[in-house]
N, C-alpha and C. Protein backbone atom coordinates (compact mmCIF):
# COMPACT_ATOMS: atom_id res chain seq x y z
N MET A 1 142.06 53.75 67.04
CA MET A 1 143.02 53.90 68.12
C MET A 1 143.98 52.72 68.14
N ALA A 2 145.15 52.92 68.74
CA ALA A 2 146.12 51.84 68.87
C ALA A 2 145.61 50.80 69.87
N HIS A 3 145.99 49.56 69.63
CA HIS A 3 145.54 48.52 70.55
C HIS A 3 146.28 48.61 71.88
N ILE A 4 145.73 47.93 72.87
CA ILE A 4 146.25 47.98 74.24
C ILE A 4 146.70 46.59 74.67
N ILE A 5 147.85 46.50 75.28
CA ILE A 5 148.34 45.25 75.86
C ILE A 5 148.15 45.33 77.37
N ALA A 6 147.52 44.30 77.93
CA ALA A 6 147.22 44.26 79.37
C ALA A 6 147.79 42.98 79.97
N PRO A 7 149.04 43.01 80.44
CA PRO A 7 149.60 41.81 81.07
C PRO A 7 148.76 41.37 82.27
N SER A 8 148.54 40.07 82.37
CA SER A 8 147.71 39.52 83.44
C SER A 8 148.59 39.10 84.61
N ILE A 9 148.42 39.75 85.73
CA ILE A 9 149.25 39.53 86.90
C ILE A 9 149.06 38.12 87.47
N LEU A 10 147.99 37.43 87.07
CA LEU A 10 147.76 36.07 87.54
C LEU A 10 148.92 35.15 87.19
N ALA A 11 149.63 35.46 86.10
CA ALA A 11 150.74 34.61 85.64
C ALA A 11 152.08 35.03 86.22
N ALA A 12 152.09 36.07 87.05
CA ALA A 12 153.34 36.59 87.59
C ALA A 12 153.87 35.70 88.71
N ASP A 13 155.10 35.95 89.10
CA ASP A 13 155.73 35.29 90.24
C ASP A 13 155.36 36.09 91.49
N PHE A 14 154.51 35.51 92.33
CA PHE A 14 154.03 36.28 93.49
C PHE A 14 155.05 36.37 94.61
N GLY A 15 156.15 35.67 94.48
CA GLY A 15 157.25 35.87 95.39
C GLY A 15 158.03 37.14 95.06
N ARG A 16 157.77 37.68 93.86
CA ARG A 16 158.45 38.90 93.39
C ARG A 16 157.43 39.88 92.85
N ILE A 17 156.28 39.98 93.51
CA ILE A 17 155.16 40.70 92.90
C ILE A 17 155.48 42.17 92.66
N ASN A 18 156.18 42.83 93.58
CA ASN A 18 156.51 44.24 93.35
C ASN A 18 157.42 44.41 92.14
N GLU A 19 158.37 43.49 91.98
CA GLU A 19 159.26 43.54 90.82
C GLU A 19 158.49 43.30 89.53
N GLU A 20 157.54 42.38 89.57
CA GLU A 20 156.75 42.06 88.38
C GLU A 20 155.89 43.26 87.96
N VAL A 21 155.26 43.90 88.94
CA VAL A 21 154.45 45.08 88.62
C VAL A 21 155.33 46.21 88.11
N GLU A 22 156.50 46.38 88.70
CA GLU A 22 157.42 47.42 88.25
C GLU A 22 157.89 47.15 86.83
N MET A 23 158.08 45.86 86.49
CA MET A 23 158.44 45.52 85.12
C MET A 23 157.37 46.01 84.15
N VAL A 24 156.10 45.77 84.50
CA VAL A 24 155.00 46.24 83.65
C VAL A 24 155.00 47.76 83.58
N ASN A 25 155.27 48.41 84.71
CA ASN A 25 155.34 49.88 84.72
C ASN A 25 156.38 50.40 83.72
N GLN A 26 157.49 49.68 83.60
CA GLN A 26 158.59 50.12 82.75
C GLN A 26 158.41 49.70 81.28
N SER A 27 157.39 48.90 81.02
CA SER A 27 157.16 48.38 79.67
C SER A 27 156.24 49.29 78.87
N GLU A 28 155.90 48.85 77.66
CA GLU A 28 154.98 49.60 76.80
C GLU A 28 153.51 49.25 77.07
N ALA A 29 153.26 48.39 78.07
CA ALA A 29 151.87 48.04 78.40
C ALA A 29 151.17 49.24 79.01
N LYS A 30 149.96 49.50 78.55
CA LYS A 30 149.18 50.63 79.08
C LYS A 30 148.31 50.21 80.26
N TRP A 31 147.93 48.92 80.30
CA TRP A 31 147.05 48.43 81.35
C TRP A 31 147.72 47.29 82.10
N LEU A 32 147.28 47.07 83.34
CA LEU A 32 147.62 45.87 84.11
C LEU A 32 146.32 45.16 84.43
N HIS A 33 146.25 43.88 84.08
CA HIS A 33 145.02 43.10 84.23
C HIS A 33 145.10 42.23 85.48
N ILE A 34 144.05 42.28 86.29
CA ILE A 34 144.01 41.45 87.49
C ILE A 34 142.72 40.65 87.53
N ASP A 35 142.86 39.34 87.69
CA ASP A 35 141.71 38.44 87.73
C ASP A 35 141.36 38.13 89.19
N VAL A 36 140.12 38.39 89.54
CA VAL A 36 139.63 38.11 90.89
C VAL A 36 138.68 36.91 90.81
N MET A 37 139.02 35.83 91.51
CA MET A 37 138.25 34.58 91.45
C MET A 37 137.79 34.18 92.84
N ASP A 38 136.56 33.70 92.93
CA ASP A 38 135.99 33.42 94.25
C ASP A 38 135.86 31.94 94.59
N GLY A 39 136.26 31.05 93.68
CA GLY A 39 136.11 29.63 93.94
C GLY A 39 134.68 29.12 93.77
N ARG A 40 133.78 29.98 93.38
CA ARG A 40 132.37 29.61 93.14
C ARG A 40 132.03 29.76 91.67
N PHE A 41 132.24 30.97 91.13
CA PHE A 41 131.95 31.18 89.71
C PHE A 41 132.94 30.41 88.84
N VAL A 42 134.16 30.34 89.29
CA VAL A 42 135.20 29.54 88.63
C VAL A 42 135.88 28.66 89.68
N PRO A 43 136.45 27.53 89.26
CA PRO A 43 137.05 26.60 90.22
C PRO A 43 138.46 26.98 90.63
N ASN A 44 138.61 28.22 91.08
CA ASN A 44 139.92 28.69 91.52
C ASN A 44 139.69 29.90 92.42
N ILE A 45 140.64 30.19 93.27
CA ILE A 45 140.59 31.36 94.14
C ILE A 45 141.86 32.16 93.89
N SER A 46 141.72 33.48 93.72
CA SER A 46 142.91 34.29 93.48
C SER A 46 143.08 35.36 94.54
N PHE A 47 142.71 36.60 94.22
CA PHE A 47 143.09 37.73 95.06
C PHE A 47 141.92 38.29 95.86
N GLY A 48 142.25 38.79 97.04
CA GLY A 48 141.30 39.56 97.83
C GLY A 48 141.70 41.02 97.84
N PHE A 49 141.01 41.80 98.64
CA PHE A 49 141.25 43.24 98.64
C PHE A 49 142.65 43.63 99.12
N PRO A 50 143.24 42.97 100.11
CA PRO A 50 144.61 43.36 100.52
C PRO A 50 145.63 43.21 99.39
N VAL A 51 145.51 42.13 98.61
CA VAL A 51 146.44 41.93 97.49
C VAL A 51 146.19 42.99 96.41
N LEU A 52 144.93 43.24 96.12
CA LEU A 52 144.59 44.27 95.14
C LEU A 52 145.16 45.62 95.56
N LYS A 53 145.03 45.93 96.84
CA LYS A 53 145.55 47.21 97.36
C LYS A 53 147.06 47.29 97.17
N ALA A 54 147.77 46.19 97.45
CA ALA A 54 149.22 46.17 97.30
C ALA A 54 149.64 46.31 95.85
N ILE A 55 148.93 45.60 94.96
CA ILE A 55 149.25 45.68 93.53
C ILE A 55 148.99 47.10 93.02
N ASN A 56 147.88 47.68 93.43
CA ASN A 56 147.55 49.03 92.98
C ASN A 56 148.57 50.05 93.47
N ALA A 57 149.09 49.84 94.68
CA ALA A 57 150.08 50.75 95.22
C ALA A 57 151.38 50.73 94.40
N ALA A 58 151.71 49.55 93.86
CA ALA A 58 152.93 49.41 93.06
C ALA A 58 152.71 49.79 91.60
N ASN A 59 151.48 49.73 91.15
CA ASN A 59 151.15 49.96 89.74
C ASN A 59 151.04 51.44 89.43
N SER A 60 151.66 51.87 88.33
CA SER A 60 151.60 53.29 87.94
C SER A 60 150.68 53.53 86.76
N GLY A 61 150.08 52.46 86.23
CA GLY A 61 149.22 52.60 85.06
C GLY A 61 147.76 52.32 85.36
N PHE A 62 147.04 51.93 84.34
CA PHE A 62 145.60 51.69 84.38
C PHE A 62 145.35 50.28 84.92
N LEU A 63 144.49 50.15 85.93
CA LEU A 63 144.21 48.85 86.55
C LEU A 63 142.89 48.29 86.01
N ASP A 64 143.01 47.20 85.29
CA ASP A 64 141.89 46.53 84.61
C ASP A 64 141.49 45.32 85.45
N THR A 65 140.36 45.42 86.15
CA THR A 65 139.96 44.39 87.11
C THR A 65 138.85 43.52 86.53
N HIS A 66 139.10 42.23 86.48
CA HIS A 66 138.18 41.25 85.90
C HIS A 66 137.62 40.40 87.03
N LEU A 67 136.34 40.59 87.32
CA LEU A 67 135.69 39.88 88.42
C LEU A 67 135.09 38.57 87.94
N MET A 68 135.68 37.46 88.33
CA MET A 68 135.13 36.14 88.05
C MET A 68 134.48 35.65 89.35
N ILE A 69 133.44 36.37 89.76
CA ILE A 69 132.82 36.09 91.05
C ILE A 69 131.30 36.13 90.94
N GLU A 70 130.64 35.37 91.78
CA GLU A 70 129.19 35.40 91.86
C GLU A 70 128.74 36.71 92.51
N GLU A 71 127.60 37.20 92.08
CA GLU A 71 126.99 38.42 92.63
C GLU A 71 128.00 39.57 92.75
N PRO A 72 128.60 39.96 91.64
CA PRO A 72 129.65 40.99 91.68
C PRO A 72 129.15 42.33 92.23
N GLU A 73 127.85 42.58 92.10
CA GLU A 73 127.31 43.86 92.55
C GLU A 73 127.54 44.10 94.05
N LYS A 74 127.75 43.04 94.80
CA LYS A 74 127.99 43.18 96.24
C LYS A 74 129.36 43.80 96.54
N TYR A 75 130.27 43.76 95.56
CA TYR A 75 131.66 44.15 95.81
C TYR A 75 132.17 45.26 94.90
N ILE A 76 131.34 45.71 93.98
CA ILE A 76 131.79 46.70 92.99
C ILE A 76 132.33 47.96 93.65
N ASP A 77 131.62 48.49 94.64
CA ASP A 77 132.07 49.73 95.28
C ASP A 77 133.44 49.56 95.91
N GLN A 78 133.69 48.41 96.53
CA GLN A 78 134.99 48.17 97.16
C GLN A 78 136.10 48.09 96.13
N PHE A 79 135.84 47.40 95.02
CA PHE A 79 136.87 47.31 93.98
C PHE A 79 137.18 48.68 93.40
N ALA A 80 136.17 49.50 93.26
CA ALA A 80 136.40 50.87 92.79
C ALA A 80 137.25 51.64 93.79
N ASP A 81 136.93 51.50 95.06
CA ASP A 81 137.65 52.23 96.11
C ASP A 81 139.09 51.76 96.26
N TYR A 82 139.36 50.50 95.85
CA TYR A 82 140.71 49.97 95.97
C TYR A 82 141.54 50.21 94.71
N GLY A 83 141.06 51.05 93.81
CA GLY A 83 141.91 51.52 92.72
C GLY A 83 141.62 51.00 91.34
N SER A 84 140.59 50.19 91.16
CA SER A 84 140.27 49.68 89.82
C SER A 84 139.82 50.82 88.92
N ASP A 85 140.37 50.86 87.71
CA ASP A 85 139.98 51.88 86.73
C ASP A 85 138.88 51.37 85.81
N CYS A 86 138.93 50.08 85.51
CA CYS A 86 137.87 49.42 84.74
C CYS A 86 137.45 48.19 85.52
N ILE A 87 136.15 48.02 85.72
CA ILE A 87 135.64 46.86 86.44
C ILE A 87 134.76 46.07 85.49
N THR A 88 135.16 44.82 85.26
CA THR A 88 134.45 43.93 84.35
C THR A 88 133.89 42.76 85.13
N PHE A 89 132.61 42.50 84.97
CA PHE A 89 131.98 41.36 85.63
C PHE A 89 131.39 40.43 84.57
N HIS A 90 131.10 39.20 84.95
CA HIS A 90 130.56 38.23 84.01
C HIS A 90 129.05 38.34 83.90
N LEU A 91 128.56 38.35 82.67
CA LEU A 91 127.12 38.37 82.43
C LEU A 91 126.46 37.16 83.09
N GLU A 92 127.17 36.04 83.12
CA GLU A 92 126.62 34.81 83.66
C GLU A 92 126.54 34.82 85.19
N ALA A 93 127.16 35.82 85.83
CA ALA A 93 127.30 35.81 87.29
C ALA A 93 126.29 36.68 88.03
N THR A 94 125.41 37.36 87.29
CA THR A 94 124.45 38.23 87.94
C THR A 94 123.13 38.25 87.17
N ARG A 95 122.05 38.48 87.88
CA ARG A 95 120.73 38.63 87.23
C ARG A 95 120.41 40.09 86.97
N HIS A 96 121.29 40.98 87.36
CA HIS A 96 121.00 42.41 87.25
C HIS A 96 122.18 43.14 86.60
N ALA A 97 122.46 42.77 85.36
CA ALA A 97 123.63 43.31 84.67
C ALA A 97 123.54 44.82 84.49
N HIS A 98 122.39 45.32 84.07
CA HIS A 98 122.26 46.76 83.83
C HIS A 98 122.46 47.55 85.12
N ARG A 99 121.93 47.05 86.21
CA ARG A 99 122.10 47.70 87.50
C ARG A 99 123.58 47.73 87.89
N ALA A 100 124.30 46.63 87.63
CA ALA A 100 125.73 46.57 87.96
C ALA A 100 126.53 47.56 87.11
N ILE A 101 126.16 47.68 85.84
CA ILE A 101 126.82 48.67 84.96
C ILE A 101 126.65 50.07 85.54
N GLN A 102 125.42 50.40 85.92
CA GLN A 102 125.14 51.72 86.49
C GLN A 102 125.93 51.95 87.78
N GLN A 103 126.06 50.89 88.58
CA GLN A 103 126.80 50.97 89.84
C GLN A 103 128.27 51.30 89.58
N ILE A 104 128.85 50.67 88.57
CA ILE A 104 130.25 50.93 88.22
C ILE A 104 130.42 52.36 87.73
N LYS A 105 129.54 52.79 86.85
CA LYS A 105 129.64 54.14 86.29
C LYS A 105 129.42 55.21 87.36
N ALA A 106 128.58 54.91 88.36
CA ALA A 106 128.36 55.86 89.44
C ALA A 106 129.62 56.10 90.26
N LYS A 107 130.55 55.14 90.20
CA LYS A 107 131.84 55.28 90.89
C LYS A 107 132.89 55.94 89.99
N GLY A 108 132.48 56.34 88.79
CA GLY A 108 133.39 57.01 87.88
C GLY A 108 134.37 56.09 87.18
N LYS A 109 134.02 54.80 87.04
CA LYS A 109 134.91 53.81 86.45
C LYS A 109 134.37 53.32 85.11
N MET A 110 135.25 52.77 84.29
CA MET A 110 134.82 52.11 83.06
C MET A 110 134.10 50.82 83.42
N ALA A 111 133.01 50.54 82.71
CA ALA A 111 132.20 49.36 82.99
C ALA A 111 132.34 48.34 81.87
N GLY A 112 132.69 47.11 82.25
CA GLY A 112 132.83 46.05 81.27
C GLY A 112 132.04 44.81 81.64
N ILE A 113 131.70 44.04 80.63
CA ILE A 113 131.06 42.74 80.83
C ILE A 113 131.91 41.69 80.13
N ALA A 114 132.10 40.56 80.81
CA ALA A 114 132.83 39.43 80.24
C ALA A 114 131.86 38.33 79.86
N LEU A 115 132.19 37.61 78.79
CA LEU A 115 131.37 36.49 78.32
C LEU A 115 132.22 35.23 78.28
N ASN A 116 131.70 34.14 78.84
CA ASN A 116 132.35 32.84 78.72
C ASN A 116 132.30 32.37 77.26
N PRO A 117 133.14 31.41 76.90
CA PRO A 117 133.18 30.97 75.49
C PRO A 117 131.85 30.52 74.92
N HIS A 118 130.96 29.95 75.76
CA HIS A 118 129.70 29.42 75.24
C HIS A 118 128.59 30.47 75.19
N THR A 119 128.83 31.67 75.72
CA THR A 119 127.77 32.68 75.84
C THR A 119 127.70 33.52 74.57
N SER A 120 126.50 33.67 74.04
CA SER A 120 126.31 34.42 72.79
C SER A 120 126.44 35.92 73.01
N ILE A 121 127.08 36.60 72.07
CA ILE A 121 127.22 38.05 72.16
C ILE A 121 125.86 38.75 71.98
N HIS A 122 124.89 38.05 71.40
CA HIS A 122 123.58 38.67 71.16
C HIS A 122 122.84 38.98 72.47
N LEU A 123 123.26 38.36 73.57
CA LEU A 123 122.67 38.66 74.87
C LEU A 123 123.04 40.06 75.34
N LEU A 124 123.98 40.70 74.66
CA LEU A 124 124.39 42.05 75.02
C LEU A 124 123.62 43.13 74.26
N ALA A 125 122.74 42.74 73.39
CA ALA A 125 122.09 43.70 72.48
C ALA A 125 121.43 44.87 73.21
N ASP A 126 120.82 44.60 74.35
CA ASP A 126 120.08 45.65 75.05
C ASP A 126 120.94 46.50 75.97
N ILE A 127 122.20 46.12 76.15
CA ILE A 127 123.06 46.88 77.08
C ILE A 127 124.40 47.31 76.46
N ILE A 128 124.66 46.90 75.23
CA ILE A 128 125.97 47.18 74.62
C ILE A 128 126.26 48.68 74.55
N ALA A 129 125.24 49.50 74.36
CA ALA A 129 125.44 50.94 74.26
C ALA A 129 125.90 51.54 75.58
N GLU A 130 125.65 50.83 76.69
CA GLU A 130 126.03 51.33 78.02
C GLU A 130 127.45 50.93 78.40
N LEU A 131 128.04 50.01 77.66
CA LEU A 131 129.31 49.42 78.06
C LEU A 131 130.52 50.18 77.52
N ASP A 132 131.59 50.15 78.30
CA ASP A 132 132.87 50.69 77.85
C ASP A 132 133.77 49.59 77.30
N LEU A 133 133.48 48.33 77.69
CA LEU A 133 134.34 47.22 77.30
C LEU A 133 133.55 45.92 77.33
N VAL A 134 133.87 45.03 76.39
CA VAL A 134 133.37 43.65 76.42
C VAL A 134 134.58 42.73 76.38
N CYS A 135 134.67 41.88 77.38
CA CYS A 135 135.79 40.92 77.46
C CYS A 135 135.30 39.56 76.98
N LEU A 136 135.87 39.09 75.89
CA LEU A 136 135.55 37.76 75.39
C LEU A 136 136.56 36.77 75.93
N MET A 137 136.08 35.78 76.66
CA MET A 137 136.97 34.74 77.16
C MET A 137 137.30 33.79 76.01
N SER A 138 138.59 33.64 75.76
CA SER A 138 139.03 32.76 74.68
C SER A 138 139.59 31.45 75.23
N VAL A 139 139.38 31.25 76.53
CA VAL A 139 139.58 29.97 77.21
C VAL A 139 138.46 29.87 78.23
N ASN A 140 138.27 28.71 78.82
CA ASN A 140 137.31 28.59 79.91
C ASN A 140 137.92 29.20 81.16
N PRO A 141 137.22 30.14 81.81
CA PRO A 141 137.83 30.91 82.89
C PRO A 141 138.15 30.08 84.12
N GLY A 142 139.22 30.50 84.81
CA GLY A 142 139.57 29.86 86.07
C GLY A 142 141.04 29.58 86.24
N PHE A 143 141.73 29.27 85.14
CA PHE A 143 143.14 28.92 85.23
C PHE A 143 143.90 29.52 84.05
N GLY A 144 145.15 29.90 84.28
CA GLY A 144 145.99 30.40 83.22
C GLY A 144 146.61 29.26 82.42
N GLY A 145 147.20 29.61 81.27
CA GLY A 145 147.94 28.65 80.48
C GLY A 145 147.12 27.69 79.64
N GLN A 146 145.83 27.98 79.43
CA GLN A 146 144.97 27.10 78.65
C GLN A 146 145.11 27.35 77.15
N LYS A 147 144.64 26.37 76.38
CA LYS A 147 144.69 26.47 74.92
C LYS A 147 143.63 27.44 74.41
N PHE A 148 144.02 28.26 73.49
CA PHE A 148 143.14 29.26 72.86
C PHE A 148 142.01 28.58 72.07
N ILE A 149 140.79 29.12 72.21
CA ILE A 149 139.62 28.59 71.50
C ILE A 149 139.49 29.32 70.15
N GLU A 150 139.60 28.57 69.06
CA GLU A 150 139.66 29.16 67.71
C GLU A 150 138.38 29.88 67.31
N GLN A 151 137.24 29.50 67.88
CA GLN A 151 135.96 30.14 67.54
C GLN A 151 135.95 31.62 67.92
N THR A 152 136.92 32.03 68.72
CA THR A 152 136.99 33.42 69.20
C THR A 152 137.04 34.42 68.05
N TYR A 153 137.72 34.08 66.95
CA TYR A 153 137.86 35.03 65.84
C TYR A 153 136.50 35.45 65.27
N SER A 154 135.64 34.47 65.02
CA SER A 154 134.33 34.79 64.47
C SER A 154 133.46 35.52 65.49
N LYS A 155 133.68 35.22 66.77
CA LYS A 155 132.92 35.89 67.83
C LYS A 155 133.31 37.38 67.91
N ILE A 156 134.59 37.66 67.73
CA ILE A 156 135.04 39.05 67.70
C ILE A 156 134.36 39.82 66.57
N LYS A 157 134.32 39.21 65.38
CA LYS A 157 133.72 39.88 64.23
C LYS A 157 132.24 40.15 64.44
N ALA A 158 131.54 39.19 65.04
CA ALA A 158 130.11 39.37 65.31
C ALA A 158 129.90 40.47 66.35
N LEU A 159 130.75 40.50 67.36
CA LEU A 159 130.65 41.53 68.39
C LEU A 159 130.95 42.91 67.81
N LYS A 160 131.94 42.99 66.94
CA LYS A 160 132.28 44.26 66.30
C LYS A 160 131.09 44.80 65.51
N MET A 161 130.39 43.90 64.85
CA MET A 161 129.22 44.31 64.08
C MET A 161 128.12 44.82 65.00
N LEU A 162 127.89 44.14 66.12
CA LEU A 162 126.88 44.56 67.08
C LEU A 162 127.22 45.93 67.65
N ILE A 163 128.48 46.15 67.96
CA ILE A 163 128.92 47.44 68.50
C ILE A 163 128.63 48.56 67.51
N LYS A 164 128.92 48.32 66.25
CA LYS A 164 128.66 49.35 65.22
C LYS A 164 127.17 49.58 65.04
N GLN A 165 126.38 48.50 65.02
CA GLN A 165 124.94 48.63 64.84
C GLN A 165 124.29 49.44 65.95
N GLN A 166 124.79 49.26 67.17
CA GLN A 166 124.21 49.92 68.33
C GLN A 166 124.91 51.25 68.66
N ASN A 167 125.85 51.65 67.81
CA ASN A 167 126.59 52.90 68.01
C ASN A 167 127.25 52.93 69.39
N SER A 168 127.80 51.81 69.78
CA SER A 168 128.48 51.69 71.07
C SER A 168 129.95 52.06 70.92
N LYS A 169 130.55 52.49 72.01
CA LYS A 169 131.98 52.81 72.03
C LYS A 169 132.78 51.74 72.76
N ALA A 170 132.16 50.60 73.00
CA ALA A 170 132.81 49.54 73.77
C ALA A 170 134.06 49.00 73.10
N LEU A 171 135.11 48.82 73.88
CA LEU A 171 136.32 48.16 73.42
C LEU A 171 136.12 46.65 73.51
N ILE A 172 136.79 45.93 72.63
CA ILE A 172 136.75 44.46 72.67
C ILE A 172 138.06 43.96 73.26
N GLU A 173 137.95 43.26 74.37
CA GLU A 173 139.11 42.70 75.06
C GLU A 173 139.10 41.18 74.91
N ILE A 174 140.27 40.60 74.67
CA ILE A 174 140.40 39.15 74.55
C ILE A 174 141.26 38.65 75.70
N ASP A 175 140.73 37.65 76.41
CA ASP A 175 141.40 37.14 77.60
C ASP A 175 141.50 35.61 77.53
N GLY A 176 142.74 35.12 77.39
CA GLY A 176 142.97 33.67 77.44
C GLY A 176 143.73 33.15 76.23
N GLY A 177 144.90 32.63 76.46
CA GLY A 177 145.67 32.00 75.38
C GLY A 177 146.24 32.94 74.35
N VAL A 178 146.31 34.22 74.66
CA VAL A 178 146.87 35.19 73.70
C VAL A 178 148.39 35.03 73.64
N ASN A 179 148.92 34.96 72.42
CA ASN A 179 150.36 34.84 72.24
C ASN A 179 150.81 35.61 71.01
N LEU A 180 152.08 35.55 70.72
CA LEU A 180 152.62 36.31 69.59
C LEU A 180 152.13 35.79 68.25
N GLU A 181 151.69 34.55 68.19
CA GLU A 181 151.20 33.97 66.94
C GLU A 181 149.75 34.38 66.63
N ASN A 182 148.89 34.34 67.64
CA ASN A 182 147.48 34.65 67.35
C ASN A 182 147.13 36.12 67.56
N ALA A 183 147.98 36.89 68.24
CA ALA A 183 147.67 38.30 68.49
C ALA A 183 147.40 39.09 67.21
N PRO A 184 148.19 38.95 66.14
CA PRO A 184 147.88 39.70 64.91
C PRO A 184 146.50 39.36 64.35
N LEU A 185 146.10 38.10 64.40
CA LEU A 185 144.81 37.70 63.87
C LEU A 185 143.66 38.22 64.74
N LEU A 186 143.89 38.28 66.05
CA LEU A 186 142.88 38.82 66.95
C LEU A 186 142.66 40.31 66.67
N LEU A 187 143.74 41.02 66.45
CA LEU A 187 143.63 42.45 66.15
C LEU A 187 142.97 42.67 64.80
N LYS A 188 143.33 41.86 63.84
CA LYS A 188 142.72 41.97 62.51
C LYS A 188 141.22 41.71 62.57
N ALA A 189 140.79 40.79 63.44
CA ALA A 189 139.37 40.47 63.58
C ALA A 189 138.59 41.59 64.24
N GLY A 190 139.30 42.46 65.00
CA GLY A 190 138.63 43.60 65.60
C GLY A 190 138.89 43.82 67.08
N ALA A 191 139.80 43.06 67.67
CA ALA A 191 140.11 43.23 69.09
C ALA A 191 140.82 44.55 69.34
N ASP A 192 140.58 45.13 70.51
CA ASP A 192 141.22 46.38 70.90
C ASP A 192 142.20 46.20 72.06
N VAL A 193 141.90 45.24 72.94
CA VAL A 193 142.72 45.01 74.14
C VAL A 193 143.08 43.54 74.20
N LEU A 194 144.36 43.23 74.37
CA LEU A 194 144.81 41.86 74.47
C LEU A 194 145.37 41.62 75.87
N VAL A 195 144.75 40.68 76.58
CA VAL A 195 145.25 40.27 77.89
C VAL A 195 146.25 39.14 77.67
N ALA A 196 147.46 39.32 78.16
CA ALA A 196 148.51 38.33 77.96
C ALA A 196 149.12 37.98 79.31
N GLY A 197 149.01 36.70 79.69
CA GLY A 197 149.53 36.26 80.97
C GLY A 197 150.82 35.50 80.84
N SER A 198 150.73 34.20 80.58
CA SER A 198 151.91 33.35 80.48
C SER A 198 152.85 33.83 79.37
N THR A 199 152.28 34.32 78.26
CA THR A 199 153.11 34.80 77.15
C THR A 199 154.09 35.88 77.60
N VAL A 200 153.64 36.73 78.51
CA VAL A 200 154.50 37.80 79.02
C VAL A 200 155.37 37.32 80.17
N PHE A 201 154.74 36.84 81.22
CA PHE A 201 155.47 36.58 82.46
C PHE A 201 156.34 35.33 82.43
N LYS A 202 156.07 34.43 81.52
CA LYS A 202 156.91 33.23 81.40
C LYS A 202 157.96 33.36 80.30
N SER A 203 157.99 34.49 79.64
CA SER A 203 158.98 34.68 78.58
C SER A 203 160.33 35.03 79.17
N GLU A 204 161.39 34.83 78.39
CA GLU A 204 162.74 35.15 78.86
C GLU A 204 162.95 36.65 79.01
N ASN A 205 162.25 37.42 78.19
CA ASN A 205 162.37 38.87 78.25
C ASN A 205 160.97 39.48 78.18
N PRO A 206 160.27 39.59 79.33
CA PRO A 206 158.89 40.08 79.32
C PRO A 206 158.72 41.46 78.69
N ILE A 207 159.65 42.37 78.94
CA ILE A 207 159.52 43.72 78.38
C ILE A 207 159.59 43.68 76.86
N ALA A 208 160.48 42.84 76.32
CA ALA A 208 160.59 42.70 74.86
C ALA A 208 159.33 42.05 74.29
N THR A 209 158.77 41.09 75.03
CA THR A 209 157.55 40.43 74.56
C THR A 209 156.38 41.42 74.52
N ILE A 210 156.26 42.23 75.56
CA ILE A 210 155.22 43.26 75.57
C ILE A 210 155.42 44.22 74.40
N SER A 211 156.66 44.60 74.15
CA SER A 211 156.96 45.50 73.04
C SER A 211 156.56 44.88 71.71
N ALA A 212 156.84 43.58 71.55
CA ALA A 212 156.48 42.90 70.30
C ALA A 212 154.97 42.86 70.12
N LEU A 213 154.24 42.60 71.18
CA LEU A 213 152.78 42.59 71.10
C LEU A 213 152.24 43.98 70.80
N ASN A 214 152.86 44.97 71.41
CA ASN A 214 152.41 46.34 71.25
C ASN A 214 152.71 46.88 69.85
N SER A 215 153.73 46.33 69.21
CA SER A 215 154.19 46.87 67.93
C SER A 215 153.50 46.26 66.71
N ILE A 216 152.59 45.34 66.92
CA ILE A 216 151.90 44.69 65.80
C ILE A 216 151.14 45.72 64.98
N GLN A 217 151.36 45.72 63.67
CA GLN A 217 150.67 46.65 62.78
C GLN A 217 149.60 45.89 62.00
N ILE A 218 148.35 46.24 62.20
CA ILE A 218 147.24 45.51 61.58
C ILE A 218 147.31 45.58 60.05
N ASN A 219 147.73 46.70 59.52
CA ASN A 219 147.73 46.85 58.05
C ASN A 219 148.79 46.02 57.36
N THR A 220 149.65 45.36 58.14
CA THR A 220 150.67 44.49 57.52
C THR A 220 150.30 43.02 57.63
N ILE A 221 149.14 42.72 58.27
CA ILE A 221 148.73 41.34 58.45
C ILE A 221 148.07 40.84 57.17
N THR A 222 148.55 39.76 56.64
CA THR A 222 148.04 39.26 55.36
C THR A 222 147.29 37.93 55.49
N SER A 223 147.39 37.27 56.62
CA SER A 223 146.73 35.98 56.77
C SER A 223 145.79 35.94 57.94
């Protein structure tokens, strides 16, 4: 399947949030990525339910919700009710990952798990077949604009192998430091979804940047 570009609204201008979401609507991006932070799991606070509701009302595409919060199972039903199409929680943030996956699927949503840079993909072995998506953090979560972690390439390849071994249909999403230079290599390694924040929203022409990311052809990558 063709890869997916998911602009991260965390990098948008919140004084113009409706315009920013409309820009994504008019672009070639298939998903809109929203990071929810609680100030506990990560050292930052982002959006609550009223903001999510407003963003969802303006958004005409697929809403990809990334929960960087402790005990995500307490809030999964609400995020589903507020319009999330895919709900991803951190493996490190709950002791009951399988139960949380079932909770998401019971709401009719795609279920994803995110892994911090230091977390091994092998911890997913017993649940990978249940997942629709695995989000690999390629920066330490909490803030936008961080430097990309180079070890991510080998982690993608290992995850791709695990997905094939377990006959899983999970997509591989990369979140953090994605740009026009490393995006081709991420796709070549096996990524399916690229979350792009500053690269899109801080560019002079965000729609053109999204188009460039979307137009990358893996079979032409030589390095």
